[in-house]
């Protein structure tokens, strides 16, 4: 099977606004009292009902967020109305191409959680949960100088720091929450993790300098690590450096994988608490720290840029066309073309499997305050602060919500949020009569889309699920 590293590395060339974090919960539902999966946000939360998820449909979550998106990478063709031109197209001016990107750090993240099986039930004087999930995330960060270099490439000296990563793992989790006294409830969740694949690229202090007829590139550190069994990188040529040494050039578009199989094992832990203040009627405070843990990988395949200076002739535009188009213009072939350009730009050498490696999960801190109106128990207001600890991929969000439960079997709410990436609005509707549960929500309401239904912004989220309740 051919598995192109463009899955993570072609993102560096902005082919798509999809990229990490590992926090994949519906933040809009943090204060929705009988939302079945509140325990994923805070393991201290329980439910009035028990539930059994419908396999693969119990809690499906797809989430993207970032400060640039498809609308900044692809541009509309005036003749067709389609977004079939990249920002590198000659008809897209430099001012237009750079308008949507920050001068500093440009970041984007995407997450998918597929819940294969989950159950929650009252036991041991509290509430217990069991889950089996598959989680995937991708992320990247790019400096504005890299965008300017890719589009403009004037006689100048450019400096870049950028990176991309991808992670996929299975998760078996067992949790329990318990009411300690009238005011305090605590909870914890233990997780067994099965690593499927991980890739991480970091480029530090790269310099691009124009010498009169070509660009010379150099970097003090360019390193890619891929944790996956039976992966083989293909070298398509040898490059000669200025000092006369030679380097086998890895073609990122031609990476061979003999099937995807478990290649890591780890453990994780969630901790949480909720406290009701007696001094203020209707006020509850809560806090949780989720995804504390690690994965030990059995294979760590290393790609590194040789120290020295090498030449690069610049990025070139590739047309965006539908599948079934003329030879050389399908999306897969276009992606391969970008992967080839990225291969030239980063110029990595395969150093082989360096043995085992242990990586930590990216933890998330949630801190919440909820106030239920004494005169109207159906209405409550909540404030949720969230911080994701992930180094260059870290982010922070604050979300203010109004939550309403007009009937015992229906509740939901609306909210507004301000984060590292953007300002947004979200909502949640949770229907839970006896025997059945259906919920649907968004942390980011979809904005303008292409004719094909692709959001132009990278901030989009949808979370839905159907469960058997008891």
Protein backbone atom coordinates (compact mmCIF):
# COMPACT_ATOMS: atom_id res chain seq x y z
CA UNK A 1 0.00 0.00 0.00
CA UNK A 2 1.23 3.46 -0.87
CA UNK A 3 0.84 5.85 2.06
CA UNK A 4 2.08 9.32 1.18
CA UNK A 5 3.55 11.40 3.97
CA UNK A 6 1.60 14.30 2.44
CA UNK A 7 -1.00 13.16 4.99
CA UNK A 8 0.98 15.36 7.32
CA UNK A 9 3.79 17.01 5.40
CA UNK A 10 1.99 18.38 2.35
CA UNK A 11 -0.02 20.39 4.83
CA UNK A 12 3.14 22.47 5.11
CA UNK A 13 2.39 23.60 1.56
CA UNK A 14 -1.15 24.56 2.62
CA UNK A 15 -2.91 22.02 0.43
CA UNK A 16 -5.75 21.81 2.94
CA UNK A 17 -6.91 23.52 6.06
CA UNK A 18 -6.95 20.43 8.15
CA UNK A 19 -4.49 19.65 10.73
CA UNK A 20 -4.20 19.25 16.50
CA UNK A 21 -5.07 18.93 18.90
CA UNK A 22 -6.30 15.95 20.75
CA UNK A 23 -9.25 17.52 22.57
CA UNK A 24 -12.27 16.18 20.67
CA UNK A 25 -15.23 16.82 22.96
CA UNK A 26 -18.26 19.06 22.47
CA UNK A 27 -17.50 22.04 24.70
CA UNK A 28 -20.99 23.44 24.12
CA UNK A 29 -22.38 20.53 26.15
CA UNK A 30 -20.24 21.01 29.28
CA UNK A 31 -23.22 22.40 31.24
CA UNK A 32 -25.94 20.27 29.58
CA UNK A 33 -26.99 18.17 32.55
CA UNK A 34 -27.95 14.86 30.92
CA UNK A 35 -25.66 14.99 27.90
CA UNK A 36 -24.40 11.40 28.03
CA UNK A 37 -20.74 12.20 27.35
CA UNK A 38 -20.11 15.02 29.83
CA UNK A 39 -17.73 12.59 31.53
CA UNK A 40 -15.33 13.03 28.59
CA UNK A 41 -15.03 16.71 29.54
CA UNK A 42 -14.96 16.09 33.30
CA UNK A 43 -14.93 12.55 34.76
CA UNK A 44 -16.68 13.83 37.90
CA UNK A 45 -19.90 14.36 35.94
CA UNK A 46 -22.56 11.67 36.08
CA UNK A 47 -25.95 11.29 34.39
CA UNK A 48 -29.52 10.81 35.51
CA UNK A 49 -29.89 7.98 33.01
CA UNK A 50 -27.75 5.02 32.11
CA UNK A 51 -27.03 4.46 28.45
CA UNK A 52 -25.57 2.09 25.88
CA UNK A 53 -24.23 3.63 22.69
CA UNK A 54 -25.24 2.46 19.25
CA UNK A 55 -21.96 1.18 17.74
CA UNK A 56 -20.13 3.90 15.77
CA UNK A 57 -23.17 6.22 16.08
CA UNK A 58 -23.15 6.88 19.81
CA UNK A 59 -20.83 9.89 19.67
CA UNK A 60 -19.36 10.96 16.35
CA UNK A 61 -17.23 14.10 16.57
CA UNK A 62 -15.42 15.92 13.77
CA UNK A 63 -13.68 19.16 14.72
CA UNK A 64 -11.48 21.70 12.93
CA UNK A 65 -10.08 24.99 14.16
CA UNK A 66 -7.43 27.43 13.05
CA UNK A 67 -6.60 31.00 12.11
CA UNK A 68 -6.51 30.30 8.37
CA UNK A 69 -8.66 28.08 6.19
CA UNK A 70 -9.54 26.78 2.75
CA UNK A 71 -10.74 30.26 1.78
CA UNK A 72 -7.20 31.56 2.30
CA UNK A 73 -5.58 28.74 0.32
CA UNK A 74 -8.04 28.35 -2.56
CA UNK A 75 -9.43 31.25 -4.57
CA UNK A 76 -12.54 31.58 -6.67
CA UNK A 77 -12.26 31.45 -10.45
CA UNK A 78 -14.31 34.39 -11.83
CA UNK A 79 -15.16 32.40 -14.96
CA UNK A 80 -16.56 29.30 -13.21
CA UNK A 81 -17.34 30.42 -9.67
CA UNK A 82 -15.43 27.41 -8.37
CA UNK A 83 -12.57 27.55 -5.89
CA UNK A 84 -10.08 25.93 -8.24
CA UNK A 85 -7.07 28.24 -7.90
CA UNK A 86 -4.47 28.03 -5.17
CA UNK A 87 -2.89 31.12 -3.68
CA UNK A 88 0.15 30.38 -5.88
CA UNK A 89 -1.87 30.96 -9.08
CA UNK A 90 -0.40 33.84 -11.16
CA UNK A 91 -3.82 35.55 -11.39
CA UNK A 92 -3.95 35.78 -7.58
CA UNK A 93 -2.02 38.86 -6.52
CA UNK A 94 0.51 38.77 -3.71
CA UNK A 95 -1.68 41.10 -1.65
CA UNK A 96 -4.69 38.77 -2.10
CA UNK A 97 -2.66 35.66 -1.35
CA UNK A 98 -1.22 37.03 1.90
CA UNK A 99 -4.37 38.78 3.13
CA UNK A 100 -5.79 35.78 5.02
CA UNK A 101 -2.56 34.78 6.76
CA UNK A 102 -1.08 36.16 9.95
CA UNK A 103 2.39 37.69 9.78
CA UNK A 104 3.35 35.62 12.80
CA UNK A 105 2.16 32.05 13.44
CA UNK A 106 -0.53 30.42 11.29
CA UNK A 107 -2.08 27.33 12.84
CA UNK A 108 -4.78 24.83 12.01
CA UNK A 109 -5.97 21.64 13.72
CA UNK A 110 -8.43 18.83 12.98
CA UNK A 111 -9.72 16.00 15.14
CA UNK A 112 -11.96 12.99 14.66
CA UNK A 113 -13.32 10.78 17.42
CA UNK A 114 -15.23 7.61 16.53
CA UNK A 115 -16.83 5.93 19.53
CA UNK A 116 -17.08 2.24 18.76
CA UNK A 117 -18.78 1.36 22.04
CA UNK A 118 -19.72 3.15 25.24
CA UNK A 119 -21.93 2.54 28.27
CA UNK A 120 -22.77 4.47 31.42
CA UNK A 121 -24.62 3.13 34.46
CA UNK A 122 -25.12 3.71 38.17
CA UNK A 123 -22.92 1.47 40.30
CA UNK A 124 -20.96 1.42 43.57
CA UNK A 125 -22.94 4.37 44.85
CA UNK A 126 -21.91 6.53 41.89
CA UNK A 127 -21.81 6.52 38.10
CA UNK A 128 -19.48 4.33 36.00
CA UNK A 129 -18.55 4.46 32.31
CA UNK A 130 -16.87 2.17 29.80
CA UNK A 131 -15.66 3.34 26.38
CA UNK A 132 -13.91 2.05 23.27
CA UNK A 133 -12.80 4.87 20.93
CA UNK A 134 -10.61 5.51 17.91
CA UNK A 135 -9.11 9.01 17.93
CA UNK A 136 -7.15 10.85 15.25
CA UNK A 137 -5.73 14.36 15.12
CA UNK A 138 -3.59 16.45 12.80
CA UNK A 139 -2.05 19.87 13.28
CA UNK A 140 0.39 22.28 11.72
CA UNK A 141 1.89 25.70 12.31
CA UNK A 142 3.46 27.95 9.70
CA UNK A 143 5.14 31.35 9.89
CA UNK A 144 3.88 34.17 7.71
CA UNK A 145 7.38 34.38 6.21
CA UNK A 146 6.94 30.91 4.68
CA UNK A 147 3.72 32.01 2.95
CA UNK A 148 5.45 35.13 1.62
CA UNK A 149 8.38 33.06 0.39
CA UNK A 150 6.12 30.52 -1.36
CA UNK A 151 4.16 33.26 -3.14
CA UNK A 152 6.59 36.08 -3.70
CA UNK A 153 10.23 34.88 -3.49
CA UNK A 154 11.72 38.33 -3.97
CA UNK A 155 15.41 39.05 -3.55
CA UNK A 156 15.53 38.70 0.20
CA UNK A 157 16.55 36.46 3.08
CA UNK A 158 13.79 34.43 4.76
CA UNK A 159 13.81 32.58 8.08
CA UNK A 160 11.35 29.83 8.96
CA UNK A 161 10.25 27.75 11.94
CA UNK A 162 7.37 25.40 11.15
CA UNK A 163 6.01 22.00 12.00
CA UNK A 164 3.27 19.44 11.44
CA UNK A 165 2.08 16.38 13.29
CA UNK A 166 -0.47 13.57 13.09
CA UNK A 167 -1.56 11.00 15.66
CA UNK A 168 -3.97 8.07 15.66
CA UNK A 169 -4.66 5.68 18.53
CA UNK A 170 -7.29 3.40 20.03
CA UNK A 171 -8.54 3.95 23.56
CA UNK A 172 -10.22 1.74 26.15
CA UNK A 173 -11.43 3.81 29.12
CA UNK A 174 -13.08 2.93 32.43
CA UNK A 175 -14.35 5.76 34.63
CA UNK A 176 -16.22 6.35 37.86
CA UNK A 177 -17.63 9.44 39.58
CA UNK A 178 -18.77 9.55 43.20
CA UNK A 179 -20.67 11.96 45.42
CA UNK A 180 -18.40 12.47 48.44
CA UNK A 181 -20.86 14.68 50.37
CA UNK A 182 -23.68 17.12 49.68
CA UNK A 183 -21.26 19.59 48.08
CA UNK A 184 -18.38 17.64 46.52
CA UNK A 185 -18.32 15.13 43.66
CA UNK A 186 -15.10 13.63 42.28
CA UNK A 187 -14.26 11.36 39.37
CA UNK A 188 -11.45 9.63 37.52
CA UNK A 189 -11.02 7.69 34.31
CA UNK A 190 -8.26 5.20 33.52
CA UNK A 191 -7.30 4.53 29.91
CA UNK A 192 -5.40 1.88 28.02
CA UNK A 193 -4.05 3.27 24.74
CA UNK A 194 -3.11 1.41 21.56
CA UNK A 195 -0.92 3.51 19.26
CA UNK A 196 -1.68 3.12 15.55
CA UNK A 197 0.52 5.78 13.95
CA UNK A 198 2.30 9.02 14.75
CA UNK A 199 4.25 11.48 12.60
CA UNK A 200 5.96 14.67 13.75
CA UNK A 201 7.90 17.20 11.68
CA UNK A 202 9.86 20.10 13.20
CA UNK A 203 11.95 22.55 11.18
CA UNK A 204 13.93 25.12 13.15
CA UNK A 205 15.99 28.10 11.95
CA UNK A 206 15.67 27.38 8.25
CA UNK A 207 17.13 30.12 6.09
CA UNK A 208 16.43 30.84 2.42
CA UNK A 209 18.91 33.14 0.68
CA UNK A 210 18.87 34.24 -2.97
CA UNK A 211 22.32 34.02 -4.53
CA UNK A 212 21.59 35.67 -7.90
CA UNK A 213 20.23 32.76 -9.91
CA UNK A 214 18.97 30.23 -7.32
CA UNK A 215 17.81 29.88 -3.73
CA UNK A 216 20.10 28.37 -1.14
CA UNK A 217 18.40 26.72 1.83
CA UNK A 218 19.93 25.69 5.14
CA UNK A 219 18.59 24.66 8.53
CA UNK A 220 20.09 24.14 11.96
CA UNK A 221 17.45 21.51 12.66
CA UNK A 222 14.98 19.68 10.41
CA UNK A 223 13.71 16.41 11.84
CA UNK A 224 10.78 14.12 11.06
CA UNK A 225 9.83 11.10 13.18
CA UNK A 226 7.32 8.47 12.06
CA UNK A 227 6.16 5.85 14.54
CA UNK A 228 4.69 3.09 12.44
CA UNK A 229 5.52 -0.54 11.72
CA UNK A 230 6.58 -1.76 8.28
CA UNK A 231 7.10 1.68 6.76
CA UNK A 232 9.72 2.25 4.08
CA UNK A 233 10.76 5.62 2.68
CA UNK A 234 11.79 5.78 -0.97
CA UNK A 235 14.78 7.79 -2.22
CA UNK A 236 14.37 9.07 -5.75
CA UNK A 237 17.79 10.68 -6.31
CA UNK A 238 21.01 11.90 -4.72
CA UNK A 239 21.58 15.59 -4.00
CA UNK A 240 25.00 17.23 -3.97
CA UNK A 241 25.72 19.81 -1.27
CA UNK A 242 27.98 22.84 -1.61
CA UNK A 243 30.73 21.01 0.27
CA UNK A 244 30.68 18.20 -2.30
CA UNK A 245 28.96 15.62 -0.06
CA UNK A 246 25.94 13.70 -1.30
CA UNK A 247 22.56 12.95 0.25
CA UNK A 248 19.91 10.42 -0.74
CA UNK A 249 16.77 12.53 -1.27
CA UNK A 250 13.59 11.05 0.26
CA UNK A 251 10.49 11.32 -1.94
CA UNK A 252 7.66 11.96 0.50
CA UNK A 253 5.06 11.14 -2.14
CA UNK A 254 6.33 7.54 -2.48
CA UNK A 255 6.22 6.01 0.98
CA UNK A 256 5.43 2.31 1.27
CA UNK A 257 3.52 0.82 4.21
CA UNK A 258 2.76 -2.87 4.50
CA UNK A 259 -0.60 -2.34 6.24
CA UNK A 260 -1.36 -0.34 9.37
CA UNK A 261 -1.01 -2.29 12.60
CA UNK A 262 -0.64 -1.42 16.31
CA UNK A 263 2.81 -0.02 16.99
CA UNK A 264 2.49 1.52 20.45
CA UNK A 265 1.06 0.96 23.92
CA UNK A 266 0.30 3.47 26.64
CA UNK A 267 -1.76 4.55 29.62
CA UNK A 268 -3.85 7.63 30.28
CA UNK A 269 -5.78 9.25 33.12
CA UNK A 270 -8.54 11.85 33.52
CA UNK A 271 -9.21 13.57 36.87
CA UNK A 272 -12.09 15.86 37.81
CA UNK A 273 -14.15 17.42 40.58
CA UNK A 274 -17.35 19.44 41.00
CA UNK A 275 -18.20 21.55 44.06
CA UNK A 276 -21.44 23.29 45.04
CA UNK A 277 -20.95 26.49 47.03
CA UNK A 278 -23.32 26.81 49.97
CA UNK A 279 -22.57 30.53 50.31
CA UNK A 280 -24.10 31.27 46.89
CA UNK A 281 -27.29 29.41 46.07
CA UNK A 282 -27.22 27.81 42.64
CA UNK A 283 -23.46 28.20 42.03
CA UNK A 284 -21.28 25.19 41.18
CA UNK A 285 -17.57 25.15 40.34
CA UNK A 286 -15.81 22.36 38.47
CA UNK A 287 -12.36 21.49 37.16
CA UNK A 288 -10.82 18.62 35.22
CA UNK A 289 -7.49 17.60 33.76
CA UNK A 290 -7.87 15.10 30.92
CA UNK A 291 -5.52 13.07 28.74
CA UNK A 292 -2.66 12.78 31.20
CA UNK A 293 -0.58 9.92 29.85
CA UNK A 294 1.90 8.50 27.36
CA UNK A 295 2.35 6.07 24.48
CA UNK A 296 5.49 3.98 24.09
CA UNK A 297 6.17 3.28 20.40
CA UNK A 298 8.14 0.24 19.25
CA UNK A 299 9.39 1.85 16.03
CA UNK A 300 10.80 5.35 15.60
CA UNK A 301 11.70 5.99 11.97
CA UNK A 302 13.83 9.12 11.65
CA UNK A 303 14.24 11.48 8.71
CA UNK A 304 16.75 14.31 9.11
CA UNK A 305 18.04 17.15 6.99
CA UNK A 306 21.78 16.95 6.50
CA UNK A 307 23.60 19.98 7.85
CA UNK A 308 24.75 22.15 4.99
CA UNK A 309 23.39 24.26 2.14
CA UNK A 310 21.35 23.00 -0.80
CA UNK A 311 19.46 24.59 -3.68
CA UNK A 312 15.71 24.98 -4.24
CA UNK A 313 13.92 26.42 -7.28
CA UNK A 314 10.72 27.49 -5.49
CA UNK A 315 7.11 26.35 -5.11
CA UNK A 316 4.95 26.06 -8.21
CA UNK A 317 1.20 26.26 -8.61
CA UNK A 318 -0.81 23.08 -9.22
CA UNK A 319 -4.33 23.35 -10.62
CA UNK A 320 -7.21 22.13 -8.50
CA UNK A 321 -9.54 19.97 -10.57
CA UNK A 322 -12.11 17.24 -10.01
CA UNK A 323 -11.40 13.53 -10.04
CA UNK A 324 -11.71 12.10 -13.54
CA UNK A 325 -10.02 15.07 -15.15
CA UNK A 326 -7.22 14.87 -17.68
CA UNK A 327 -4.11 12.85 -16.76
CA UNK A 328 -1.89 14.62 -14.29
CA UNK A 329 -4.72 16.74 -12.86
CA UNK A 330 -6.49 14.41 -10.40
CA UNK A 331 -6.36 15.42 -6.75
CA UNK A 332 -4.11 12.48 -5.91
CA UNK A 333 -1.66 13.39 -8.66
CA UNK A 334 -1.78 17.05 -7.66
CA UNK A 335 -1.08 16.11 -4.04
CA UNK A 336 1.87 14.04 -5.20
CA UNK A 337 3.16 17.07 -7.06
CA UNK A 338 2.98 19.16 -3.88
CA UNK A 339 4.61 16.33 -1.93
CA UNK A 340 7.47 16.35 -4.44
CA UNK A 341 7.92 20.10 -3.95
CA UNK A 342 7.89 19.71 -0.19
CA UNK A 343 10.44 16.90 -0.50
CA UNK A 344 12.72 19.31 -2.35
CA UNK A 345 12.09 22.08 0.16
CA UNK A 346 12.76 20.09 3.34
CA UNK A 347 15.36 17.74 1.80
CA UNK A 348 15.24 14.93 4.35
CA UNK A 349 17.43 11.85 4.55
CA UNK A 350 16.17 8.51 5.86
CA UNK A 351 18.23 7.47 8.89
CA UNK A 352 16.24 4.28 9.50
CA UNK A 353 14.51 2.84 12.55
CA UNK A 354 16.10 4.18 15.75
CA UNK A 355 14.18 1.82 18.05
CA UNK A 356 11.57 2.63 20.67
CA UNK A 357 10.32 6.09 21.65
CA UNK A 358 7.89 7.34 24.30
CA UNK A 359 5.66 10.36 23.70
CA UNK A 360 3.24 12.10 26.04
CA UNK A 361 -0.37 12.96 25.33
CA UNK A 362 -1.46 16.57 25.07
CA UNK A 363 -3.41 17.26 28.28
CA UNK A 364 -6.41 19.60 28.53
CA UNK A 365 -7.48 21.67 31.54
CA UNK A 366 -11.18 22.56 31.93
CA UNK A 367 -12.37 24.99 34.58
CA UNK A 368 -16.10 25.78 34.82
CA UNK A 369 -18.55 27.86 36.80
CA UNK A 370 -22.32 27.34 36.53
CA UNK A 371 -25.05 29.48 38.04
CA UNK A 372 -28.61 28.19 38.15
CA UNK A 373 -31.22 30.88 38.69
CA UNK A 374 -33.00 30.25 42.04
CA UNK A 375 -36.21 31.75 40.65
CA UNK A 376 -36.07 29.67 37.43
CA UNK A 377 -34.50 26.26 37.81
CA UNK A 378 -34.87 25.54 34.10
CA UNK A 379 -32.36 28.28 33.20
CA UNK A 380 -28.62 28.31 33.99
CA UNK A 381 -25.58 30.21 32.80
CA UNK A 382 -22.09 28.76 32.50
CA UNK A 383 -18.54 29.94 31.91
CA UNK A 384 -15.97 27.41 30.71
CA UNK A 385 -12.24 28.08 30.43
CA UNK A 386 -10.10 25.57 28.58
CA UNK A 387 -6.39 25.27 27.87
CA UNK A 388 -4.75 22.61 25.74
CA UNK A 389 -1.12 21.84 26.60
CA UNK A 390 0.68 20.89 23.38
CA UNK A 391 3.76 23.06 22.94
CA UNK A 392 3.62 24.82 19.57
CA UNK A 393 0.09 23.42 19.12
CA UNK A 394 -1.32 24.76 22.41
CA UNK A 395 -4.49 26.83 22.49
CA UNK A 396 -6.87 28.51 24.94
CA UNK A 397 -10.63 29.06 24.83
CA UNK A 398 -13.27 30.80 26.95
CA UNK A 399 -16.96 29.95 26.38
CA UNK A 400 -20.05 31.66 27.88
CA UNK A 401 -23.30 29.70 27.63
CA UNK A 402 -26.99 29.93 28.43
CA UNK A 403 -28.57 26.56 29.12
CA UNK A 404 -32.26 25.74 29.23
CA UNK A 405 -34.14 22.58 30.30
CA UNK A 406 -37.84 23.26 29.56
CA UNK A 407 -38.81 19.61 30.12
CA UNK A 408 -37.30 16.69 32.00
CA UNK A 409 -36.48 14.92 28.73
CA UNK A 410 -35.10 17.79 26.67
CA UNK A 411 -32.36 20.34 27.33
CA UNK A 412 -29.78 22.33 25.45
CA UNK A 413 -28.24 25.73 25.11
CA UNK A 414 -26.45 28.36 23.05
CA UNK A 415 -23.04 29.88 23.64
CA UNK A 416 -20.36 32.22 22.37
CA UNK A 417 -16.62 31.62 22.57
CA UNK A 418 -13.32 33.42 22.11
CA UNK A 419 -10.23 31.31 21.50
CA UNK A 420 -6.65 31.44 20.26
CA UNK A 421 -8.05 30.84 16.78
CA UNK A 422 -11.24 32.90 16.47
CA UNK A 423 -14.53 34.09 17.91
CA UNK A 424 -17.38 31.65 17.38
CA UNK A 425 -20.86 30.58 18.43
CA UNK A 426 -22.18 27.13 19.30
CA UNK A 427 -25.28 25.23 20.37
CA UNK A 428 -26.47 21.87 21.70
CA UNK A 429 -29.82 20.06 21.61
CA UNK A 430 -30.15 16.96 23.79
CA UNK A 431 -33.30 14.79 23.70
CA UNK A 432 -33.43 12.02 26.29
CA UNK A 433 -36.84 10.47 26.97
CA UNK A 434 -36.96 7.02 28.51
CA UNK A 435 -35.34 4.41 26.29
CA UNK A 436 -33.69 6.73 23.78
CA UNK A 437 -31.17 9.57 23.49
CA UNK A 438 -30.45 11.80 20.50
CA UNK A 439 -28.15 14.82 20.54
CA UNK A 440 -26.76 17.22 17.99
CA UNK A 441 -24.46 20.17 18.52
CA UNK A 442 -21.73 22.43 17.19
CA UNK A 443 -18.95 24.41 18.85
CA UNK A 444 -18.47 26.40 15.63
CA UNK A 445 -21.43 27.24 13.41
CA UNK A 446 -20.51 26.73 9.76
CA UNK A 447 -19.91 29.91 7.82
CA UNK A 448 -19.53 30.48 4.09
CA UNK A 449 -18.92 27.36 2.00
CA UNK A 450 -17.84 26.46 -1.52
CA UNK A 451 -20.36 25.13 -4.03
CA UNK A 452 -19.18 21.66 -3.05
CA UNK A 453 -20.09 22.33 0.60
CA UNK A 454 -16.53 22.73 1.90
CA UNK A 455 -16.29 25.39 4.67
CA UNK A 456 -14.01 28.25 3.70
CA UNK A 457 -13.05 28.80 7.34
CA UNK A 458 -11.05 26.17 9.20
CA UNK A 459 -13.33 26.59 12.22
CA UNK A 460 -16.05 23.99 11.95
CA UNK A 461 -17.42 21.33 14.25
CA UNK A 462 -20.28 18.86 14.36
CA UNK A 463 -21.08 16.36 17.09
CA UNK A 464 -24.00 13.94 16.94
CA UNK A 465 -25.03 10.68 18.50
CA UNK A 466 -27.81 8.18 19.14
CA UNK A 467 -27.91 6.00 22.24
CA UNK A 468 -30.16 3.61 24.12
CA UNK A 469 -31.08 5.15 27.50
CA UNK A 470 -32.36 3.44 30.64
